[in-house]
Amino acid sequence: MVDTDPLLYWVIGLFVIAIAIFVIELFVPSGGILGVAALIFALAGVATAFKHSAEMGAAASGFLIVATPCAFWLFLKVFPHTPVGRRLILSDDATDSDEARAKRDHEKHDESTALSALVGATGIAVTDLKPGGTVRIDGQDVEAFADLGMIAAHTNVVVTRIVGRQIRVQADDNQTA
């Protein structure tokens, strides 16, 4: 015979409410408040199940132990694609739109081209380069690194190469400060 104890309906109802609140949490920016509410409803369902019987409580606990990691996994898969998730999580190439990726690549190319154009340019060391410091090239102060050793302030320098985003310089023996 089927057990029609009203407590069973409460257990099922509390778990259904917990699941519904968790699903809403995925799409509504609540700062985790709905997630905590879902957890409270789930724990209330377990407590109510234990009121019915120890077996029912153990079964409800087992369900919660299995369902919680599954829900957490689902949250990690869905959350980054929600409006709040996109604002909170730093974007990377995998989640960027094609347009945003193309714009960023174009900006990187422009910066790389601008830095490459500095090779051979001359300037003056504003600070000591030990090995890093500030040099003035075409009236603009930029961070640079000495290729070899230290370069004293007020020494003429020449840009020898670009390594990544680093400007590498060496003392320019052809000019005097």
C-alpha atoms as a PDB file:
ATOM      1  CA  MET A   1       0.000   0.000   0.000  1.00  0.00           C
ATOM      2  CA  VAL A   2       1.207   3.510  -0.857  1.00  0.00           C
ATOM      3  CA  ASP A   3       2.115   5.739   2.080  1.00  0.00           C
ATOM      4  CA  THR A   4       0.005   8.908   1.886  1.00  0.00           C
ATOM      5  CA  ASP A   5       1.506  10.681   4.874  1.00  0.00           C
ATOM      6  CA  PRO A   6       1.220  14.467   4.338  1.00  0.00           C
ATOM      7  CA  LEU A   7       4.856  14.813   5.421  1.00  0.00           C
ATOM      8  CA  LEU A   8       5.903  13.118   2.169  1.00  0.00           C
ATOM      9  CA  TYR A   9       4.115  15.811   0.189  1.00  0.00           C
ATOM     10  CA  TRP A  10       5.919  18.432   2.263  1.00  0.00           C
ATOM     11  CA  VAL A  11       9.276  16.769   1.566  1.00  0.00           C
ATOM     12  CA  ILE A  12       8.611  16.647  -2.167  1.00  0.00           C
ATOM     13  CA  GLY A  13       7.247  20.194  -2.149  1.00  0.00           C
ATOM     14  CA  LEU A  14      10.255  21.588  -0.285  1.00  0.00           C
ATOM     15  CA  PHE A  15      12.672  19.899  -2.703  1.00  0.00           C
ATOM     16  CA  VAL A  16      10.705  21.161  -5.721  1.00  0.00           C
ATOM     17  CA  ILE A  17      10.771  24.693  -4.298  1.00  0.00           C
ATOM     18  CA  ALA A  18      14.521  24.390  -3.628  1.00  0.00           C
ATOM     19  CA  ILE A  19      15.176  23.266  -7.213  1.00  0.00           C
ATOM     20  CA  ALA A  20      12.946  26.007  -8.636  1.00  0.00           C
ATOM     21  CA  ILE A  21      14.707  28.687  -6.582  1.00  0.00           C
ATOM     22  CA  PHE A  22      18.094  27.348  -7.672  1.00  0.00           C
ATOM     23  CA  VAL A  23      17.067  27.522 -11.342  1.00  0.00           C
ATOM     24  CA  ILE A  24      15.865  31.097 -10.816  1.00  0.00           C
ATOM     25  CA  GLU A  25      19.237  31.867  -9.154  1.00  0.00           C
ATOM     26  CA  LEU A  26      20.965  30.987 -12.421  1.00  0.00           C
ATOM     27  CA  PHE A  27      19.191  33.773 -14.285  1.00  0.00           C
ATOM     28  CA  VAL A  28      18.329  36.437 -11.702  1.00  0.00           C
ATOM     29  CA  PRO A  29      21.081  38.596 -10.198  1.00  0.00           C
ATOM     30  CA  SER A  30      20.557  38.039  -6.475  1.00  0.00           C
ATOM     31  CA  GLY A  31      24.124  37.947  -5.235  1.00  0.00           C
ATOM     32  CA  GLY A  32      23.649  34.400  -3.961  1.00  0.00           C
ATOM     33  CA  ILE A  33      20.617  35.151  -1.800  1.00  0.00           C
ATOM     34  CA  LEU A  34      18.392  32.859  -3.860  1.00  0.00           C
ATOM     35  CA  GLY A  35      21.041  30.131  -3.688  1.00  0.00           C
ATOM     36  CA  VAL A  36      21.046  30.349   0.100  1.00  0.00           C
ATOM     37  CA  ALA A  37      17.237  30.252   0.084  1.00  0.00           C
ATOM     38  CA  ALA A  38      17.338  27.127  -2.115  1.00  0.00           C
ATOM     39  CA  LEU A  39      19.757  25.491   0.317  1.00  0.00           C
ATOM     40  CA  ILE A  40      17.498  26.352   3.267  1.00  0.00           C
ATOM     41  CA  PHE A  41      14.476  24.816   1.518  1.00  0.00           C
ATOM     42  CA  ALA A  42      16.491  21.693   0.659  1.00  0.00           C
ATOM     43  CA  LEU A  43      17.675  21.310   4.262  1.00  0.00           C
ATOM     44  CA  ALA A  44      14.101  21.838   5.462  1.00  0.00           C
ATOM     45  CA  GLY A  45      13.070  19.020   3.115  1.00  0.00           C
ATOM     46  CA  VAL A  46      15.694  16.726   4.649  1.00  0.00           C
ATOM     47  CA  ALA A  47      14.603  17.656   8.188  1.00  0.00           C
ATOM     48  CA  THR A  48      10.973  16.996   7.289  1.00  0.00           C
ATOM     49  CA  ALA A  49      11.941  13.644   5.769  1.00  0.00           C
ATOM     50  CA  PHE A  50      13.667  12.662   9.020  1.00  0.00           C
ATOM     51  CA  LYS A  51      10.451  13.576  10.860  1.00  0.00           C
ATOM     52  CA  HIS A  52       8.678  10.978   8.745  1.00  0.00           C
ATOM     53  CA  SER A  53      11.268   8.217   9.236  1.00  0.00           C
ATOM     54  CA  ALA A  54      14.995   7.613   9.440  1.00  0.00           C
ATOM     55  CA  GLU A  55      14.927   5.777   6.103  1.00  0.00           C
ATOM     56  CA  MET A  56      13.164   8.651   4.374  1.00  0.00           C
ATOM     57  CA  GLY A  57      15.616  11.115   5.946  1.00  0.00           C
ATOM     58  CA  ALA A  58      18.578   9.060   4.764  1.00  0.00           C
ATOM     59  CA  ALA A  59      17.117   8.899   1.251  1.00  0.00           C
ATOM     60  CA  ALA A  60      16.529  12.663   1.205  1.00  0.00           C
ATOM     61  CA  SER A  61      20.066  13.260   2.491  1.00  0.00           C
ATOM     62  CA  GLY A  62      21.449  10.995  -0.222  1.00  0.00           C
ATOM     63  CA  PHE A  63      19.451  12.880  -2.830  1.00  0.00           C
ATOM     64  CA  LEU A  64      20.832  16.180  -1.552  1.00  0.00           C
ATOM     65  CA  ILE A  65      24.396  14.828  -1.485  1.00  0.00           C
ATOM     66  CA  VAL A  66      24.101  13.760  -5.140  1.00  0.00           C
ATOM     67  CA  ALA A  67      22.071  16.744  -6.351  1.00  0.00           C
ATOM     68  CA  THR A  68      24.260  19.470  -4.811  1.00  0.00           C
ATOM     69  CA  PRO A  69      27.435  18.740  -6.825  1.00  0.00           C
ATOM     70  CA  CYS A  70      25.325  18.307  -9.953  1.00  0.00           C
ATOM     71  CA  ALA A  71      23.673  21.670  -9.350  1.00  0.00           C
ATOM     72  CA  PHE A  72      27.062  23.269  -8.652  1.00  0.00           C
ATOM     73  CA  TRP A  73      28.438  21.848 -11.927  1.00  0.00           C
ATOM     74  CA  LEU A  74      25.375  23.169 -13.786  1.00  0.00           C
ATOM     75  CA  PHE A  75      25.863  26.568 -12.149  1.00  0.00           C
ATOM     76  CA  LEU A  76      29.508  26.692 -13.299  1.00  0.00           C
ATOM     77  CA  LYS A  77      28.477  25.830 -16.855  1.00  0.00           C
ATOM     78  CA  VAL A  78      25.531  28.252 -17.101  1.00  0.00           C
ATOM     79  CA  PHE A  79      26.558  31.206 -14.890  1.00  0.00           C
ATOM     80  CA  PRO A  80      29.338  32.593 -17.140  1.00  0.00           C
ATOM     81  CA  HIS A  81      26.771  32.986 -19.929  1.00  0.00           C
ATOM     82  CA  THR A  82      24.241  34.954 -17.862  1.00  0.00           C
ATOM     83  CA  PRO A  83      24.256  38.782 -17.871  1.00  0.00           C
ATOM     84  CA  VAL A  84      25.610  38.931 -14.317  1.00  0.00           C
ATOM     85  CA  GLY A  85      28.190  36.247 -15.031  1.00  0.00           C
ATOM     86  CA  ARG A  86      29.501  38.127 -18.059  1.00  0.00           C
ATOM     87  CA  ARG A  87      29.956  41.256 -15.935  1.00  0.00           C
ATOM     88  CA  LEU A  88      31.635  39.465 -13.027  1.00  0.00           C
ATOM     89  CA  ILE A  89      33.940  37.130 -14.924  1.00  0.00           C
ATOM     90  CA  LEU A  90      36.850  38.498 -16.923  1.00  0.00           C
ATOM     91  CA  SER A  91      36.366  37.709 -20.568  1.00  0.00           C
ATOM     92  CA  ASP A  92      38.759  35.626 -22.576  1.00  0.00           C
ATOM     93  CA  ASP A  93      39.039  34.643 -26.201  1.00  0.00           C
ATOM     94  CA  ALA A  94      36.646  31.724 -25.743  1.00  0.00           C
ATOM     95  CA  THR A  95      33.764  33.909 -24.552  1.00  0.00           C
ATOM     96  CA  ASP A  96      34.393  37.070 -26.577  1.00  0.00           C
ATOM     97  CA  SER A  97      32.327  37.854 -29.616  1.00  0.00           C
ATOM     98  CA  ASP A  98      34.062  37.784 -32.981  1.00  0.00           C
ATOM     99  CA  GLU A  99      33.759  41.574 -33.194  1.00  0.00           C
ATOM    100  CA  ALA A 100      35.349  42.157 -29.764  1.00  0.00           C
ATOM    101  CA  ARG A 101      38.139  39.695 -30.540  1.00  0.00           C
ATOM    102  CA  ALA A 102      38.835  41.370 -33.904  1.00  0.00           C
ATOM    103  CA  LYS A 103      38.921  44.817 -32.271  1.00  0.00           C
ATOM    104  CA  ARG A 104      41.347  43.642 -29.577  1.00  0.00           C
ATOM    105  CA  ASP A 105      43.587  41.940 -32.163  1.00  0.00           C
ATOM    106  CA  HIS A 106      43.603  45.129 -34.244  1.00  0.00           C
ATOM    107  CA  GLU A 107      44.592  47.205 -31.183  1.00  0.00           C
ATOM    108  CA  LYS A 108      47.394  44.754 -30.361  1.00  0.00           C
ATOM    109  CA  HIS A 109      48.622  44.937 -33.956  1.00  0.00           C
ATOM    110  CA  ASP A 110      48.573  48.756 -33.886  1.00  0.00           C
ATOM    111  CA  GLU A 111      50.508  48.797 -30.591  1.00  0.00           C
ATOM    112  CA  SER A 112      53.016  46.261 -31.902  1.00  0.00           C
ATOM    113  CA  THR A 113      53.495  48.284 -35.099  1.00  0.00           C
ATOM    114  CA  ALA A 114      53.970  51.501 -33.104  1.00  0.00           C
ATOM    115  CA  LEU A 115      56.571  49.858 -30.866  1.00  0.00           C
ATOM    116  CA  SER A 116      58.377  48.276 -33.828  1.00  0.00           C
ATOM    117  CA  ALA A 117      58.645  51.720 -35.424  1.00  0.00           C
ATOM    118  CA  LEU A 118      60.785  52.816 -32.455  1.00  0.00           C
ATOM    119  CA  VAL A 119      63.663  50.473 -33.380  1.00  0.00           C
ATOM    120  CA  GLY A 120      66.595  52.701 -34.338  1.00  0.00           C
ATOM    121  CA  ALA A 121      65.071  55.791 -32.706  1.00  0.00           C
ATOM    122  CA  THR A 122      67.304  57.817 -30.437  1.00  0.00           C
ATOM    123  CA  GLY A 123      66.520  59.461 -27.147  1.00  0.00           C
ATOM    124  CA  ILE A 124      67.943  60.297 -23.774  1.00  0.00           C
ATOM    125  CA  ALA A 125      67.820  58.406 -20.492  1.00  0.00           C
ATOM    126  CA  VAL A 126      65.699  60.393 -18.043  1.00  0.00           C
ATOM    127  CA  THR A 127      66.560  58.081 -15.141  1.00  0.00           C
ATOM    128  CA  ASP A 128      69.283  55.539 -14.561  1.00  0.00           C
ATOM    129  CA  LEU A 129      68.474  52.290 -16.346  1.00  0.00           C
ATOM    130  CA  LYS A 130      69.394  49.525 -13.868  1.00  0.00           C
ATOM    131  CA  PRO A 131      68.368  47.786 -16.177  1.00  0.00           C
ATOM    132  CA  GLY A 132      64.892  49.372 -16.278  1.00  0.00           C
ATOM    133  CA  GLY A 133      64.096  53.053 -16.219  1.00  0.00           C
ATOM    134  CA  THR A 134      62.626  55.939 -18.180  1.00  0.00           C
ATOM    135  CA  VAL A 135      63.864  57.268 -21.505  1.00  0.00           C
ATOM    136  CA  ARG A 136      62.586  60.203 -23.541  1.00  0.00           C
ATOM    137  CA  ILE A 137      62.065  59.403 -27.217  1.00  0.00           C
ATOM    138  CA  ASP A 138      60.587  62.061 -29.494  1.00  0.00           C
ATOM    139  CA  GLY A 139      59.527  64.089 -26.454  1.00  0.00           C
ATOM    140  CA  GLN A 140      57.627  61.208 -24.870  1.00  0.00           C
ATOM    141  CA  ASP A 141      58.737  59.441 -21.687  1.00  0.00           C
ATOM    142  CA  VAL A 142      58.561  55.647 -21.960  1.00  0.00           C
ATOM    143  CA  GLU A 143      59.741  52.741 -19.839  1.00  0.00           C
ATOM    144  CA  ALA A 144      62.763  50.989 -21.312  1.00  0.00           C
ATOM    145  CA  PHE A 145      65.365  48.400 -20.392  1.00  0.00           C
ATOM    146  CA  ALA A 146      69.112  48.501 -20.978  1.00  0.00           C
ATOM    147  CA  ASP A 147      70.338  45.675 -23.184  1.00  0.00           C
ATOM    148  CA  LEU A 148      73.618  45.415 -21.296  1.00  0.00           C
ATOM    149  CA  GLY A 149      74.489  46.622 -17.836  1.00  0.00           C
ATOM    150  CA  MET A 150      73.458  50.008 -16.533  1.00  0.00           C
ATOM    151  CA  ILE A 151      72.934  53.264 -18.416  1.00  0.00           C
ATOM    152  CA  ALA A 152      73.307  56.488 -16.436  1.00  0.00           C
ATOM    153  CA  ALA A 153      70.712  59.253 -16.574  1.00  0.00           C
ATOM    154  CA  HIS A 154      71.216  61.926 -19.264  1.00  0.00           C
ATOM    155  CA  THR A 155      72.990  59.439 -21.559  1.00  0.00           C
ATOM    156  CA  ASN A 156      71.940  59.307 -25.193  1.00  0.00           C
ATOM    157  CA  VAL A 157      70.337  55.971 -26.057  1.00  0.00           C
ATOM    158  CA  VAL A 158      69.212  54.155 -29.173  1.00  0.00           C
ATOM    159  CA  VAL A 159      66.355  51.646 -29.327  1.00  0.00           C
ATOM    160  CA  THR A 160      67.864  48.323 -30.379  1.00  0.00           C
ATOM    161  CA  ARG A 161      64.877  46.002 -30.298  1.00  0.00           C
ATOM    162  CA  ILE A 162      61.397  45.346 -28.979  1.00  0.00           C
ATOM    163  CA  VAL A 163      60.830  42.229 -26.877  1.00  0.00           C
ATOM    164  CA  GLY A 164      57.126  41.707 -26.309  1.00  0.00           C
ATOM    165  CA  ARG A 165      56.087  45.076 -24.907  1.00  0.00           C
ATOM    166  CA  GLN A 166      59.536  45.961 -23.608  1.00  0.00           C
ATOM    167  CA  ILE A 167      61.632  48.606 -25.307  1.00  0.00           C
ATOM    168  CA  ARG A 168      65.312  47.606 -25.218  1.00  0.00           C
ATOM    169  CA  VAL A 169      67.963  50.335 -25.530  1.00  0.00           C
ATOM    170  CA  GLN A 170      71.710  50.742 -25.356  1.00  0.00           C
ATOM    171  CA  ALA A 171      73.963  53.743 -24.947  1.00  0.00           C
ATOM    172  CA  ASP A 172      74.405  55.651 -28.214  1.00  0.00           C
ATOM    173  CA  ASP A 173      78.134  56.183 -28.622  1.00  0.00           C
ATOM    174  CA  ASN A 174      77.640  58.317 -31.752  1.00  0.00           C
ATOM    175  CA  GLN A 175      76.019  61.225 -29.889  1.00  0.00           C
ATOM    176  CA  THR A 176      76.886  63.162 -26.784  1.00  0.00           C
ATOM    177  CA  ALA A 177      74.410  64.401 -24.224  1.00  0.00           C
END
